[in-house]
Each structure stands twice: as C-alpha cells, then as structure tokens.
C-alpha cells in the first residue's frame, strides 16, 4: 500500500491552495425584459419570474387571490 514518505504540513498545503480563487459572477441581460441577472438563474421582473426569456411564473394581482 503506497503512502507519502513525509507528511505535508497544514501550512504548506494551505499555501498551495491559496491560488485557487473564485472568479467574479457573470451577469447577463435579458433581450426581452432588459433585466440584468445571473446566468442560468431565474429572476423576477414586474411580478413575474423569467427564465431563458420566458415566463415561468406569471404575475398575479390581488383580484386573483380573492377568487
């Protein structure tokens, strides 16, 4: 069974991992609504939820709730 000749310290391991950083999030603009949003995420615009330029959840008014 293979094993390392010497143990790598926590400090040395963490120094090596400091170079991995999260990149900034990309923001898209919807051609239909003009709303800015994160890629691959649904977003709310004027009471309706949109995803890929299509309405996923339609806007509703207070009259719809009363019925």
PDB file of N, CA and C in Angstrom:
ATOM      1  N   UNK A   1       0.843  -1.184   0.000  1.00  0.00           N
ATOM      2  CA  UNK A   1       0.000   0.000   0.000  1.00  0.00           C
ATOM      3  C   UNK A   1       0.884   1.241   0.000  1.00  0.00           C
ATOM      4  N   UNK A   2       0.676   2.133  -0.951  1.00  0.00           N
ATOM      5  CA  UNK A   2       1.512   3.318  -1.076  1.00  0.00           C
ATOM      6  C   UNK A   2       1.113   4.385  -0.064  1.00  0.00           C
ATOM      7  N   UNK A   3       2.106   5.078   0.429  1.00  0.00           N
ATOM      8  CA  UNK A   3       1.854   6.204   1.318  1.00  0.00           C
ATOM      9  C   UNK A   3       3.000   7.203   1.170  1.00  0.00           C
ATOM     10  N   UNK A   4       2.729   8.486   1.486  1.00  0.00           N
ATOM     11  CA  UNK A   4       3.758   9.503   1.285  1.00  0.00           C
ATOM     12  C   UNK A   4       4.951   9.283   2.211  1.00  0.00           C
ATOM     13  N   UNK A   5       6.127   9.653   1.737  1.00  0.00           N
ATOM     14  CA  UNK A   5       7.346   9.467   2.523  1.00  0.00           C
ATOM     15  C   UNK A   5       7.343  10.380   3.748  1.00  0.00           C
ATOM     16  N   UNK A   6       6.850  11.604   3.561  1.00  0.00           N
ATOM     17  CA  UNK A   6       6.743  12.517   4.706  1.00  0.00           C
ATOM     18  C   UNK A   6       5.418  13.261   4.627  1.00  0.00           C
ATOM     19  N   UNK A   7       4.898  13.607   5.770  1.00  0.00           N
ATOM     20  CA  UNK A   7       3.608  14.294   5.837  1.00  0.00           C
ATOM     21  C   UNK A   7       3.764  15.753   5.410  1.00  0.00           C
ATOM     22  N   UNK A   8       2.803  16.243   4.624  1.00  0.00           N
ATOM     23  CA  UNK A   8       2.799  17.654   4.229  1.00  0.00           C
ATOM     24  C   UNK A   8       2.021  18.416   5.297  1.00  0.00           C
ATOM     25  N   UNK A   9       2.654  19.453   5.821  1.00  0.00           N
ATOM     26  CA  UNK A   9       2.036  20.210   6.902  1.00  0.00           C
ATOM     27  C   UNK A   9       0.797  20.962   6.412  1.00  0.00           C
ATOM     28  N   UNK A  10      -0.071  21.330   7.338  1.00  0.00           N
ATOM     29  CA  UNK A  10      -1.290  22.075   7.007  1.00  0.00           C
ATOM     30  C   UNK A  10      -0.930  23.418   6.384  1.00  0.00           C
ATOM     31  N   UNK A  11       0.116  24.044   6.918  1.00  0.00           N
ATOM     32  CA  UNK A  11       0.528  25.346   6.412  1.00  0.00           C
ATOM     33  C   UNK A  11       0.979  25.250   4.955  1.00  0.00           C
ATOM     34  N   UNK A  12       1.785  24.257   4.624  1.00  0.00           N
ATOM     35  CA  UNK A  12       2.272  24.099   3.251  1.00  0.00           C
ATOM     36  C   UNK A  12       1.118  23.778   2.302  1.00  0.00           C
ATOM     37  N   UNK A  13       0.192  22.944   2.744  1.00  0.00           N
ATOM     38  CA  UNK A  13      -0.958  22.573   1.926  1.00  0.00           C
ATOM     39  C   UNK A  13      -1.838  23.794   1.659  1.00  0.00           C
ATOM     40  N   UNK A  14      -2.053  24.599   2.670  1.00  0.00           N
ATOM     41  CA  UNK A  14      -2.913  25.775   2.526  1.00  0.00           C
ATOM     42  C   UNK A  14      -2.261  26.856   1.676  1.00  0.00           C
ATOM     43  N   UNK A  15      -0.939  26.963   1.734  1.00  0.00           N
ATOM     44  CA  UNK A  15      -0.241  27.918   0.868  1.00  0.00           C
ATOM     45  C   UNK A  15      -0.450  27.562  -0.599  1.00  0.00           C
ATOM     46  N   UNK A  16      -0.406  26.290  -0.900  1.00  0.00           N
ATOM     47  CA  UNK A  16      -0.592  25.837  -2.274  1.00  0.00           C
ATOM     48  C   UNK A  16      -2.014  26.121  -2.749  1.00  0.00           C
ATOM     49  N   UNK A  17      -2.977  26.010  -1.873  1.00  0.00           N
ATOM     50  CA  UNK A  17      -4.380  26.186  -2.242  1.00  0.00           C
ATOM     51  C   UNK A  17      -4.814  27.645  -2.333  1.00  0.00           C
ATOM     52  N   UNK A  18      -3.964  28.586  -1.925  1.00  0.00           N
ATOM     53  CA  UNK A  18      -4.370  29.995  -1.954  1.00  0.00           C
ATOM     54  C   UNK A  18      -4.527  30.517  -3.367  1.00  0.00           C
ATOM     55  N   UNK A  19      -3.969  29.837  -4.364  1.00  0.00           N
ATOM     56  CA  UNK A  19      -4.037  30.320  -5.729  1.00  0.00           C
ATOM     57  C   UNK A  19      -5.385  30.027  -6.377  1.00  0.00           C
ATOM     58  N   UNK A  20      -6.180  29.153  -5.790  1.00  0.00           N
ATOM     59  CA  UNK A  20      -7.499  28.840  -6.334  1.00  0.00           C
ATOM     60  C   UNK A  20      -8.495  29.853  -5.793  1.00  0.00           C
ATOM     61  N   UNK A  21      -8.951  30.745  -6.635  1.00  0.00           N
ATOM     62  CA  UNK A  21      -9.869  31.790  -6.200  1.00  0.00           C
ATOM     63  C   UNK A  21     -11.124  31.746  -7.050  1.00  0.00           C
ATOM     64  N   UNK A  22     -12.226  32.104  -6.447  1.00  0.00           N
ATOM     65  CA  UNK A  22     -13.486  32.149  -7.186  1.00  0.00           C
ATOM     66  C   UNK A  22     -13.474  33.353  -8.117  1.00  0.00           C
ATOM     67  N   UNK A  23     -13.915  33.148  -9.338  1.00  0.00           N
ATOM     68  CA  UNK A  23     -13.982  34.252 -10.288  1.00  0.00           C
ATOM     69  C   UNK A  23     -15.265  35.036 -10.051  1.00  0.00           C
ATOM     70  N   UNK A  24     -15.303  36.256 -10.532  1.00  0.00           N
ATOM     71  CA  UNK A  24     -16.499  37.069 -10.353  1.00  0.00           C
ATOM     72  C   UNK A  24     -17.641  36.494 -11.193  1.00  0.00           C
ATOM     73  N   UNK A  25     -18.844  36.690 -10.727  1.00  0.00           N
ATOM     74  CA  UNK A  25     -20.010  36.124 -11.395  1.00  0.00           C
ATOM     75  C   UNK A  25     -20.323  36.901 -12.668  1.00  0.00           C
ATOM     76  N   UNK A  26     -20.726  36.176 -13.710  1.00  0.00           N
ATOM     77  CA  UNK A  26     -21.070  36.816 -14.970  1.00  0.00           C
ATOM     78  C   UNK A  26     -22.534  37.234 -14.941  1.00  0.00           C
ATOM     79  N   UNK A  27     -22.790  38.404 -15.459  1.00  0.00           N
ATOM     80  CA  UNK A  27     -24.148  38.938 -15.462  1.00  0.00           C
ATOM     81  C   UNK A  27     -24.635  39.036 -16.904  1.00  0.00           C
ATOM     82  N   UNK A  28     -25.834  38.531 -17.134  1.00  0.00           N
ATOM     83  CA  UNK A  28     -26.445  38.568 -18.464  1.00  0.00           C
ATOM     84  C   UNK A  28     -27.555  39.617 -18.472  1.00  0.00           C
ATOM     85  N   UNK A  29     -27.913  40.078 -19.646  1.00  0.00           N
ATOM     86  CA  UNK A  29     -29.035  40.992 -19.811  1.00  0.00           C
ATOM     87  C   UNK A  29     -30.064  40.316 -20.705  1.00  0.00           C
ATOM     88  N   UNK A  30     -31.291  40.236 -20.220  1.00  0.00           N
ATOM     89  CA  UNK A  30     -32.359  39.571 -20.971  1.00  0.00           C
ATOM     90  C   UNK A  30     -32.764  40.433 -22.165  1.00  0.00           C
ATOM     91  N   UNK A  31     -32.815  39.843 -23.365  1.00  0.00           N
ATOM     92  CA  UNK A  31     -33.219  40.629 -24.539  1.00  0.00           C
ATOM     93  C   UNK A  31     -34.703  41.003 -24.523  1.00  0.00           C
ATOM     94  N   UNK A  32     -35.524  40.234 -23.813  1.00  0.00           N
ATOM     95  CA  UNK A  32     -36.973  40.509 -23.779  1.00  0.00           C
ATOM     96  C   UNK A  32     -37.327  41.590 -22.766  1.00  0.00           C
ATOM     97  N   UNK A  33     -36.772  41.490 -21.555  1.00  0.00           N
ATOM     98  CA  UNK A  33     -37.139  42.414 -20.483  1.00  0.00           C
ATOM     99  C   UNK A  33     -36.098  43.494 -20.239  1.00  0.00           C
ATOM    100  N   UNK A  34     -34.856  43.254 -20.643  1.00  0.00           N
ATOM    101  CA  UNK A  34     -33.784  44.211 -20.380  1.00  0.00           C
ATOM    102  C   UNK A  34     -33.256  44.139 -18.958  1.00  0.00           C
ATOM    103  N   UNK A  35     -33.693  43.157 -18.210  1.00  0.00           N
ATOM    104  CA  UNK A  35     -33.288  42.987 -16.810  1.00  0.00           C
ATOM    105  C   UNK A  35     -31.935  42.284 -16.737  1.00  0.00           C
ATOM    106  N   UNK A  36     -31.070  42.744 -15.824  1.00  0.00           N
ATOM    107  CA  UNK A  36     -29.786  42.090 -15.583  1.00  0.00           C
ATOM    108  C   UNK A  36     -29.980  40.970 -14.579  1.00  0.00           C
ATOM    109  N   UNK A  37     -29.319  39.824 -14.821  1.00  0.00           N
ATOM    110  CA  UNK A  37     -29.462  38.687 -13.919  1.00  0.00           C
ATOM    111  C   UNK A  37     -28.249  37.784 -14.071  1.00  0.00           C
ATOM    112  N   UNK A  38     -28.089  36.845 -13.149  1.00  0.00           N
ATOM    113  CA  UNK A  38     -27.008  35.880 -13.227  1.00  0.00           C
ATOM    114  C   UNK A  38     -27.341  34.835 -14.282  1.00  0.00           C
ATOM    115  N   UNK A  39     -26.303  34.334 -14.954  1.00  0.00           N
ATOM    116  CA  UNK A  39     -26.509  33.280 -15.942  1.00  0.00           C
ATOM    117  C   UNK A  39     -27.112  32.039 -15.287  1.00  0.00           C
ATOM    118  N   UNK A  40     -27.981  31.357 -15.982  1.00  0.00           N
ATOM    119  CA  UNK A  40     -28.592  30.100 -15.554  1.00  0.00           C
ATOM    120  C   UNK A  40     -29.390  30.246 -14.260  1.00  0.00           C
ATOM    121  N   UNK A  41     -29.976  31.424 -14.039  1.00  0.00           N
ATOM    122  CA  UNK A  41     -30.786  31.652 -12.864  1.00  0.00           C
ATOM    123  C   UNK A  41     -32.093  32.318 -13.287  1.00  0.00           C
ATOM    124  N   UNK A  42     -33.173  31.942 -12.636  1.00  0.00           N
ATOM    125  CA  UNK A  42     -34.453  32.609 -12.864  1.00  0.00           C
ATOM    126  C   UNK A  42     -34.424  33.939 -12.123  1.00  0.00           C
ATOM    127  N   UNK A  43     -35.201  34.911 -12.599  1.00  0.00           N
ATOM    128  CA  UNK A  43     -35.213  36.227 -11.966  1.00  0.00           C
ATOM    129  C   UNK A  43     -36.609  36.816 -12.030  1.00  0.00           C
ATOM    130  N   UNK A  44     -36.899  37.697 -11.083  1.00  0.00           N
ATOM    131  CA  UNK A  44     -38.200  38.351 -11.009  1.00  0.00           C
ATOM    132  C   UNK A  44     -38.146  39.673 -11.763  1.00  0.00           C
ATOM    133  N   UNK A  45     -39.209  39.962 -12.515  1.00  0.00           N
ATOM    134  CA  UNK A  45     -39.331  41.239 -13.213  1.00  0.00           C
ATOM    135  C   UNK A  45     -40.805  41.587 -13.291  1.00  0.00           C
ATOM    136  N   UNK A  46     -41.174  42.686 -12.669  1.00  0.00           N
ATOM    137  CA  UNK A  46     -42.558  43.174 -12.644  1.00  0.00           C
ATOM    138  C   UNK A  46     -43.539  42.101 -12.180  1.00  0.00           C
ATOM    139  N   UNK A  47     -43.187  41.407 -11.119  1.00  0.00           N
ATOM    140  CA  UNK A  47     -44.094  40.443 -10.506  1.00  0.00           C
ATOM    141  C   UNK A  47     -44.128  39.078 -11.155  1.00  0.00           C
ATOM    142  N   UNK A  48     -43.391  38.871 -12.234  1.00  0.00           N
ATOM    143  CA  UNK A  48     -43.352  37.574 -12.912  1.00  0.00           C
ATOM    144  C   UNK A  48     -41.928  37.031 -12.870  1.00  0.00           C
ATOM    145  N   UNK A  49     -41.810  35.706 -12.817  1.00  0.00           N
ATOM    146  CA  UNK A  49     -40.497  35.083 -12.809  1.00  0.00           C
ATOM    147  C   UNK A  49     -40.154  34.630 -14.223  1.00  0.00           C
ATOM    148  N   UNK A  50     -38.962  35.001 -14.674  1.00  0.00           N
ATOM    149  CA  UNK A  50     -38.496  34.675 -16.017  1.00  0.00           C
ATOM    150  C   UNK A  50     -37.302  33.734 -15.944  1.00  0.00           C
ATOM    151  N   UNK A  51     -37.194  32.863 -16.944  1.00  0.00           N
ATOM    152  CA  UNK A  51     -36.022  32.017 -17.111  1.00  0.00           C
ATOM    153  C   UNK A  51     -35.833  31.775 -18.600  1.00  0.00           C
ATOM    154  N   UNK A  52     -34.657  32.058 -19.110  1.00  0.00           N
ATOM    155  CA  UNK A  52     -34.335  31.954 -20.536  1.00  0.00           C
ATOM    156  C   UNK A  52     -35.294  32.778 -21.392  1.00  0.00           C
ATOM    157  N   UNK A  53     -35.678  33.942 -20.901  1.00  0.00           N
ATOM    158  CA  UNK A  53     -36.529  34.852 -21.658  1.00  0.00           C
ATOM    159  C   UNK A  53     -37.996  34.492 -21.673  1.00  0.00           C
ATOM    160  N   UNK A  54     -38.377  33.449 -20.947  1.00  0.00           N
ATOM    161  CA  UNK A  54     -39.784  33.032 -20.917  1.00  0.00           C
ATOM    162  C   UNK A  54     -40.340  33.162 -19.510  1.00  0.00           C
ATOM    163  N   UNK A  55     -41.652  33.381 -19.415  1.00  0.00           N
ATOM    164  CA  UNK A  55     -42.311  33.497 -18.122  1.00  0.00           C
ATOM    165  C   UNK A  55     -42.470  32.105 -17.530  1.00  0.00           C
ATOM    166  N   UNK A  56     -41.932  31.911 -16.327  1.00  0.00           N
ATOM    167  CA  UNK A  56     -42.058  30.634 -15.635  1.00  0.00           C
ATOM    168  C   UNK A  56     -43.235  30.697 -14.674  1.00  0.00           C
ATOM    169  N   UNK A  57     -43.304  31.784 -13.910  1.00  0.00           N
ATOM    170  CA  UNK A  57     -44.423  32.020 -13.002  1.00  0.00           C
ATOM    171  C   UNK A  57     -45.039  33.346 -13.408  1.00  0.00           C
ATOM    172  N   UNK A  58     -46.305  33.315 -13.799  1.00  0.00           N
ATOM    173  CA  UNK A  58     -46.971  34.525 -14.279  1.00  0.00           C
ATOM    174  C   UNK A  58     -47.278  35.460 -13.124  1.00  0.00           C
ATOM    175  N   UNK A  59     -47.348  36.730 -13.425  1.00  0.00           N
ATOM    176  CA  UNK A  59     -47.701  37.749 -12.433  1.00  0.00           C
ATOM    177  C   UNK A  59     -49.156  37.567 -12.049  1.00  0.00           C
ATOM    178  N   UNK A  60     -49.448  37.790 -10.792  1.00  0.00           N
ATOM    179  CA  UNK A  60     -50.840  37.711 -10.338  1.00  0.00           C
ATOM    180  C   UNK A  60     -51.178  38.974  -9.577  1.00  0.00           C
ATOM    181  N   UNK A  61     -52.456  39.317  -9.571  1.00  0.00           N
ATOM    182  CA  UNK A  61     -52.910  40.528  -8.879  1.00  0.00           C
ATOM    183  C   UNK A  61     -53.687  40.119  -7.635  1.00  0.00           C
ATOM    184  N   UNK A  62     -54.074  41.122  -6.857  1.00  0.00           N
ATOM    185  CA  UNK A  62     -54.848  40.852  -5.639  1.00  0.00           C
ATOM    186  C   UNK A  62     -56.240  40.304  -5.976  1.00  0.00           C
ATOM    187  N   UNK A  63     -56.767  40.627  -7.151  1.00  0.00           N
ATOM    188  CA  UNK A  63     -58.073  40.108  -7.562  1.00  0.00           C
ATOM    189  C   UNK A  63     -58.000  38.596  -7.748  1.00  0.00           C
ATOM    190  N   UNK A  64     -56.860  38.081  -8.224  1.00  0.00           N
ATOM    191  CA  UNK A  64     -56.711  36.639  -8.397  1.00  0.00           C
ATOM    192  C   UNK A  64     -56.705  35.924  -7.053  1.00  0.00           C
ATOM    193  N   UNK A  65     -56.181  36.594  -6.040  1.00  0.00           N
ATOM    194  CA  UNK A  65     -56.128  35.971  -4.708  1.00  0.00           C
ATOM    195  C   UNK A  65     -57.500  35.891  -4.061  1.00  0.00           C
ATOM    196  N   UNK A  66     -58.370  36.834  -4.360  1.00  0.00           N
ATOM    197  CA  UNK A  66     -59.701  36.861  -3.755  1.00  0.00           C
ATOM    198  C   UNK A  66     -60.588  35.747  -4.303  1.00  0.00           C
ATOM    199  N   UNK A  67     -60.343  35.312  -5.513  1.00  0.00           N
ATOM    200  CA  UNK A  67     -61.205  34.307  -6.127  1.00  0.00           C
ATOM    201  C   UNK A  67     -60.932  32.935  -5.639  1.00  0.00           C
TER     202      UNK A  67
END
